[in-house]
Amino acid sequence: MSKKSLHRIAAALERLSPAPADAPDFTAASAFVWHADPDRLEPVARVNCVDVDLLVGVDRSRDTLVANTVQFAAGLPANNALLWGARGMGKSSLVKSVHGAVHADHKGLKIVEVQREDLPTIGRCLNLLRGAKERFILFCDDLSFGHDDAHYKSLKAVLDGGIEGRPENVVLYATSNRRHLMPRDMIENERSSAISPSEAVEEKVSLSDRFGLWLGFHPCDQDEYLAMICGYCDAYGVDIDDATLRAEAVEWQATRGSRSGRVAWQYFTDLAGRRGVILG
């Protein structure tokens, strides 16, 4: 084989197995997004979040997550956290807001968002974070697994699996609409059809057990829904009388067929736009 052919083969192998990515300058931002192929941690100039005090109706979950995050930022033991429950009740907003609040006093605390489809590459991301002096919240939003979905196996390495284990400077915060990260019918189907029902379900259900904190989010009532909107009005200086706000907000949630923190923010966004108030 000619030398030219060998060089061509070597170049092809390098493209198939690219060199490990260099660790970014973690002082450049407080937040990063993990991208694979090519591997890189992209800095986020401005995190999309609200002030943690504006999140109404989640006081217990907020206080628990703040305390856990402060411990972690200070170099103390802390748990991985699974925020599960009703749609639109502020699970992902709470993670981002808590990071923002704690980062104000602990500049070395960073947040790294990982998309669900990039979970198979999570080991390569951890290699970039391992050994850095900063501390990292690894954030995976809307986490769930369906039939024949093996992505959950990659996540076990982040939680506590593998010889190396989870880096001491990394903690995982994930959100999901499902407490056990998979549909109930999937759990029941595997229990009814497997030769060893308990073993068939155990491997997947055990993933949620690896989160030390389970924080539940439940649908809000009308008083909490209106309190959310009033909080936004006060924070952004939108002036509206109580009777008008109540009538409009109730009509808005009726047209949406649901009542949640997300619906409250959507109504407030419409209200702010009509009143000429810029949200920023």
Protein backbone atom coordinates (compact mmCIF):
# COMPACT_ATOMS: atom_id res chain seq x y z
CA MET A 1 0.00 0.00 0.00
CA SER A 2 1.36 3.42 -0.96
CA LYS A 3 2.22 6.15 1.53
CA LYS A 4 -0.45 8.34 -0.03
CA SER A 5 -3.13 5.70 0.64
CA LEU A 6 -1.99 5.36 4.25
CA HIS A 7 -2.29 9.13 4.75
CA ARG A 8 -5.77 9.03 3.25
CA ILE A 9 -6.83 6.21 5.62
CA ALA A 10 -5.34 8.03 8.61
CA ALA A 11 -7.23 11.21 7.72
CA ALA A 12 -10.47 9.26 7.40
CA LEU A 13 -9.94 7.66 10.82
CA GLU A 14 -9.34 11.08 12.37
CA ARG A 15 -12.63 12.30 10.96
CA LEU A 16 -14.41 9.28 12.41
CA SER A 17 -12.71 9.70 15.80
CA PRO A 18 -12.10 13.43 16.26
CA ALA A 19 -9.64 14.66 18.85
CA PRO A 20 -11.10 15.37 22.32
CA ALA A 21 -12.62 18.83 22.55
CA ASP A 22 -10.76 21.48 24.50
CA ALA A 23 -12.39 22.71 27.69
CA PRO A 24 -13.86 26.19 27.16
CA ASP A 25 -13.14 29.29 29.19
CA PHE A 26 -15.66 28.75 31.96
CA THR A 27 -15.21 32.32 33.17
CA ALA A 28 -16.73 33.58 29.91
CA ALA A 29 -20.34 32.83 30.93
CA SER A 30 -22.50 31.45 33.70
CA ALA A 31 -24.33 29.03 31.40
CA PHE A 32 -23.40 26.67 28.57
CA VAL A 33 -25.17 24.31 26.16
CA TRP A 34 -23.62 20.96 25.30
CA HIS A 35 -23.52 20.11 21.58
CA ALA A 36 -22.22 16.87 20.10
CA ASP A 37 -20.59 16.17 16.71
CA PRO A 38 -18.45 18.15 17.02
CA ASP A 39 -18.29 18.16 20.81
CA ARG A 40 -18.38 21.62 22.32
CA LEU A 41 -19.76 23.64 25.22
CA GLU A 42 -21.38 26.73 23.76
CA PRO A 43 -21.52 29.72 26.15
CA VAL A 44 -24.92 31.39 26.65
CA ALA A 45 -24.69 35.17 26.80
CA ARG A 46 -28.06 35.66 28.55
CA VAL A 47 -30.05 32.99 30.37
CA ASN A 48 -33.81 33.06 29.80
CA CYS A 49 -35.13 33.10 33.37
CA VAL A 50 -37.27 35.09 35.80
CA ASP A 51 -36.54 36.20 39.34
CA VAL A 52 -36.95 33.26 41.69
CA ASP A 53 -39.30 35.29 43.93
CA LEU A 54 -41.80 35.58 41.08
CA LEU A 55 -42.45 31.83 41.07
CA VAL A 56 -45.67 31.47 43.05
CA GLY A 57 -47.15 28.26 44.47
CA VAL A 58 -43.90 26.28 44.51
CA ASP A 59 -42.48 27.59 47.79
CA ARG A 60 -41.51 24.24 49.28
CA SER A 61 -39.84 22.98 46.10
CA ARG A 62 -38.11 26.35 45.65
CA ASP A 63 -36.71 26.41 49.19
CA THR A 64 -35.54 22.78 48.97
CA LEU A 65 -33.81 23.30 45.62
CA VAL A 66 -32.19 26.58 46.74
CA ALA A 67 -30.80 24.91 49.87
CA ASN A 68 -29.45 21.96 47.87
CA THR A 69 -27.88 24.29 45.30
CA VAL A 70 -26.24 26.50 47.93
CA GLN A 71 -24.71 23.41 49.54
CA PHE A 72 -23.39 22.24 46.19
CA ALA A 73 -22.01 25.67 45.24
CA ALA A 74 -20.19 25.82 48.59
CA GLY A 75 -18.45 22.50 47.91
CA LEU A 76 -20.66 20.53 50.30
CA PRO A 77 -22.52 17.26 49.56
CA ALA A 78 -25.69 17.74 47.49
CA ASN A 79 -28.26 15.54 45.76
CA ASN A 80 -29.30 15.12 42.16
CA ALA A 81 -32.84 16.48 41.77
CA LEU A 82 -35.83 15.34 39.72
CA LEU A 83 -38.56 17.96 39.30
CA TRP A 84 -41.69 16.15 38.11
CA GLY A 85 -45.36 16.86 37.70
CA ALA A 86 -47.91 19.02 35.93
CA ARG A 87 -47.09 20.76 32.66
CA GLY A 88 -46.42 24.49 32.76
CA MET A 89 -45.98 24.74 36.53
CA GLY A 90 -42.46 26.16 36.44
CA LYS A 91 -40.17 23.13 36.71
CA SER A 92 -37.56 24.30 34.21
CA SER A 93 -38.09 27.94 35.21
CA LEU A 94 -37.28 27.03 38.81
CA VAL A 95 -34.00 25.33 37.86
CA LYS A 96 -32.83 28.33 35.84
CA SER A 97 -34.02 30.86 38.42
CA VAL A 98 -32.39 29.01 41.33
CA HIS A 99 -29.12 28.87 39.43
CA GLY A 100 -29.35 32.61 38.76
CA ALA A 101 -30.07 33.40 42.41
CA VAL A 102 -27.26 31.23 43.80
CA HIS A 103 -24.79 32.29 41.10
CA ALA A 104 -25.11 35.89 42.35
CA ASP A 105 -23.18 34.84 45.47
CA HIS A 106 -21.21 31.91 44.02
CA LYS A 107 -19.71 32.95 40.69
CA GLY A 108 -18.10 29.55 40.22
CA LEU A 109 -21.50 27.87 39.86
CA LYS A 110 -22.31 27.18 36.20
CA ILE A 111 -25.25 25.50 34.49
CA VAL A 112 -24.86 23.22 31.47
CA GLU A 113 -27.95 22.26 29.47
CA VAL A 114 -27.94 18.85 27.79
CA GLN A 115 -30.60 17.92 25.24
CA ARG A 116 -32.23 14.55 25.67
CA GLU A 117 -31.05 13.37 22.25
CA ASP A 118 -27.44 14.08 23.26
CA LEU A 119 -27.53 11.84 26.33
CA PRO A 120 -25.46 9.08 24.64
CA THR A 121 -22.55 11.58 24.50
CA ILE A 122 -22.88 12.65 28.13
CA GLY A 123 -19.68 10.85 29.11
CA ARG A 124 -17.66 13.09 26.80
CA CYS A 125 -19.30 16.16 28.34
CA LEU A 126 -18.40 14.96 31.84
CA ASN A 127 -14.78 14.55 30.79
CA LEU A 128 -14.66 18.27 29.98
CA LEU A 129 -16.19 19.20 33.34
CA ARG A 130 -14.25 16.75 35.48
CA GLY A 131 -11.34 18.43 37.21
CA ALA A 132 -12.41 22.02 36.50
CA LYS A 133 -12.39 24.32 39.53
CA GLU A 134 -15.94 25.48 38.73
CA ARG A 135 -19.02 23.56 39.86
CA PHE A 136 -21.70 22.56 37.35
CA ILE A 137 -25.44 21.94 37.38
CA LEU A 138 -26.08 19.55 34.50
CA PHE A 139 -29.62 20.41 33.38
CA CYS A 140 -31.79 18.08 31.28
CA ASP A 141 -35.26 19.45 30.55
CA ASP A 142 -38.37 17.39 29.76
CA LEU A 143 -36.71 14.06 30.44
CA SER A 144 -38.70 10.91 29.65
CA PHE A 145 -38.19 7.55 27.98
CA GLY A 146 -40.43 5.52 25.73
CA HIS A 147 -40.57 1.94 24.50
CA ASP A 148 -37.22 0.50 23.36
CA ASP A 149 -35.47 3.70 24.45
CA ALA A 150 -31.95 3.00 25.71
CA HIS A 151 -30.95 6.63 26.38
CA TYR A 152 -31.59 6.11 30.08
CA LYS A 153 -28.52 3.86 30.28
CA SER A 154 -26.27 6.81 29.40
CA LEU A 155 -27.82 8.84 32.20
CA LYS A 156 -26.91 6.30 34.86
CA ALA A 157 -23.24 7.27 34.49
CA VAL A 158 -24.13 10.83 35.47
CA LEU A 159 -26.10 9.77 38.50
CA ASP A 160 -23.85 7.23 40.17
CA GLY A 161 -22.82 4.52 37.73
CA GLY A 162 -19.50 3.53 36.24
CA ILE A 163 -16.08 3.03 37.77
CA GLU A 164 -15.28 6.75 37.82
CA GLY A 165 -18.71 7.75 39.08
CA ARG A 166 -20.16 11.23 38.84
CA PRO A 167 -17.58 14.00 39.07
CA GLU A 168 -17.57 15.66 42.47
CA ASN A 169 -18.12 19.05 40.84
CA VAL A 170 -21.24 18.00 38.88
CA VAL A 171 -24.86 17.58 40.01
CA LEU A 172 -27.80 16.68 37.78
CA TYR A 173 -31.13 18.54 37.78
CA ALA A 174 -33.79 17.09 35.46
CA THR A 175 -37.45 17.90 34.80
CA SER A 176 -40.12 15.48 33.67
CA ASN A 177 -43.90 15.25 33.47
CA ARG A 178 -43.54 11.67 34.75
CA ARG A 179 -42.42 10.63 38.19
CA HIS A 180 -40.74 7.45 36.94
CA LEU A 181 -39.61 9.00 33.63
CA MET A 182 -41.76 6.66 31.53
CA PRO A 183 -45.45 6.23 30.68
CA ARG A 184 -47.55 4.28 33.19
CA ASP A 185 -48.90 2.01 30.42
CA MET A 186 -45.31 1.10 29.52
CA ILE A 187 -44.61 0.04 33.12
CA GLU A 188 -47.81 -2.01 33.30
CA ASN A 189 -47.17 -3.61 29.89
CA GLU A 190 -43.70 -4.77 30.88
CA ARG A 191 -45.01 -6.12 34.19
CA SER A 192 -47.75 -8.13 32.44
CA SER A 193 -45.73 -9.50 29.52
CA ALA A 194 -42.28 -10.24 30.98
CA ILE A 195 -41.17 -13.63 32.27
CA SER A 196 -39.84 -11.88 35.39
CA PRO A 197 -42.12 -8.82 35.69
CA SER A 198 -40.29 -7.16 38.57
CA GLU A 199 -36.91 -7.47 36.85
CA ALA A 200 -38.27 -6.14 33.55
CA VAL A 201 -39.37 -2.88 35.14
CA GLU A 202 -36.69 -2.56 37.80
CA GLU A 203 -33.88 -1.40 35.50
CA LYS A 204 -35.81 1.58 34.13
CA VAL A 205 -37.72 2.55 37.27
CA SER A 206 -34.48 2.45 39.26
CA LEU A 207 -33.23 5.41 37.27
CA SER A 208 -35.61 7.80 39.04
CA ASP A 209 -34.56 6.27 42.37
CA ARG A 210 -31.06 7.58 41.74
CA PHE A 211 -32.29 11.15 42.24
CA GLY A 212 -31.91 12.08 45.91
CA LEU A 213 -34.54 14.83 45.64
CA TRP A 214 -37.99 14.33 44.15
CA LEU A 215 -39.82 17.64 43.91
CA GLY A 216 -43.48 17.38 42.88
CA PHE A 217 -45.36 20.09 40.95
CA HIS A 218 -49.15 20.05 40.92
CA PRO A 219 -51.83 22.09 39.08
CA CYS A 220 -52.49 25.48 40.64
CA ASP A 221 -55.85 26.75 41.83
CA GLN A 222 -57.42 30.01 40.66
CA ASP A 223 -56.09 32.08 43.56
CA GLU A 224 -52.50 30.95 42.85
CA TYR A 225 -53.01 31.59 39.13
CA LEU A 226 -54.15 35.16 39.78
CA ALA A 227 -51.37 35.70 42.34
CA MET A 228 -48.80 34.76 39.68
CA ILE A 229 -50.17 37.39 37.32
CA CYS A 230 -50.32 40.05 40.04
CA GLY A 231 -46.71 39.30 40.91
CA TYR A 232 -45.67 39.84 37.29
CA CYS A 233 -47.66 43.10 37.12
CA ASP A 234 -45.94 44.43 40.24
CA ALA A 235 -42.48 43.35 39.08
CA TYR A 236 -42.79 44.91 35.60
CA GLY A 237 -44.87 47.94 36.50
CA VAL A 238 -48.05 47.03 34.62
CA ASP A 239 -50.99 48.99 36.05
CA ILE A 240 -54.42 47.34 35.87
CA ASP A 241 -57.38 47.33 38.28
CA ASP A 242 -58.16 44.10 40.09
CA ALA A 243 -61.60 43.57 38.58
CA THR A 244 -60.34 43.92 34.98
CA LEU A 245 -57.34 41.69 35.60
CA ARG A 246 -59.48 38.99 37.18
CA ALA A 247 -62.07 39.02 34.37
CA GLU A 248 -59.46 38.94 31.61
CA ALA A 249 -57.25 36.34 33.30
CA VAL A 250 -60.15 33.97 33.98
CA GLU A 251 -61.35 34.31 30.39
CA TRP A 252 -57.81 33.68 29.12
CA GLN A 253 -57.40 30.45 31.06
CA ALA A 254 -60.88 29.31 29.99
CA THR A 255 -59.92 29.67 26.32
CA ARG A 256 -56.77 27.64 26.97
CA GLY A 257 -58.62 24.92 28.85
CA SER A 258 -55.99 24.87 31.57
CA ARG A 259 -54.57 26.88 34.42
CA SER A 260 -50.82 26.92 35.10
CA GLY A 261 -47.81 29.15 35.56
CA ARG A 262 -47.18 29.01 31.81
CA VAL A 263 -50.73 30.16 31.03
CA ALA A 264 -50.36 32.96 33.61
CA TRP A 265 -47.18 34.19 31.91
CA GLN A 266 -48.78 33.99 28.46
CA TYR A 267 -51.71 36.13 29.62
CA PHE A 268 -49.32 38.61 31.25
CA THR A 269 -47.24 38.80 28.06
CA ASP A 270 -50.38 39.71 26.12
CA LEU A 271 -51.37 42.25 28.79
CA ALA A 272 -47.92 43.86 28.81
CA GLY A 273 -47.98 44.14 25.03
CA ARG A 274 -51.36 45.87 25.08
CA ARG A 275 -50.15 48.28 27.77
CA GLY A 276 -46.94 49.09 25.89
CA VAL A 277 -44.64 47.60 28.54
CA ILE A 278 -41.37 46.07 27.31
CA LEU A 279 -40.30 42.88 29.09
CA GLY A 280 -36.55 42.55 29.37
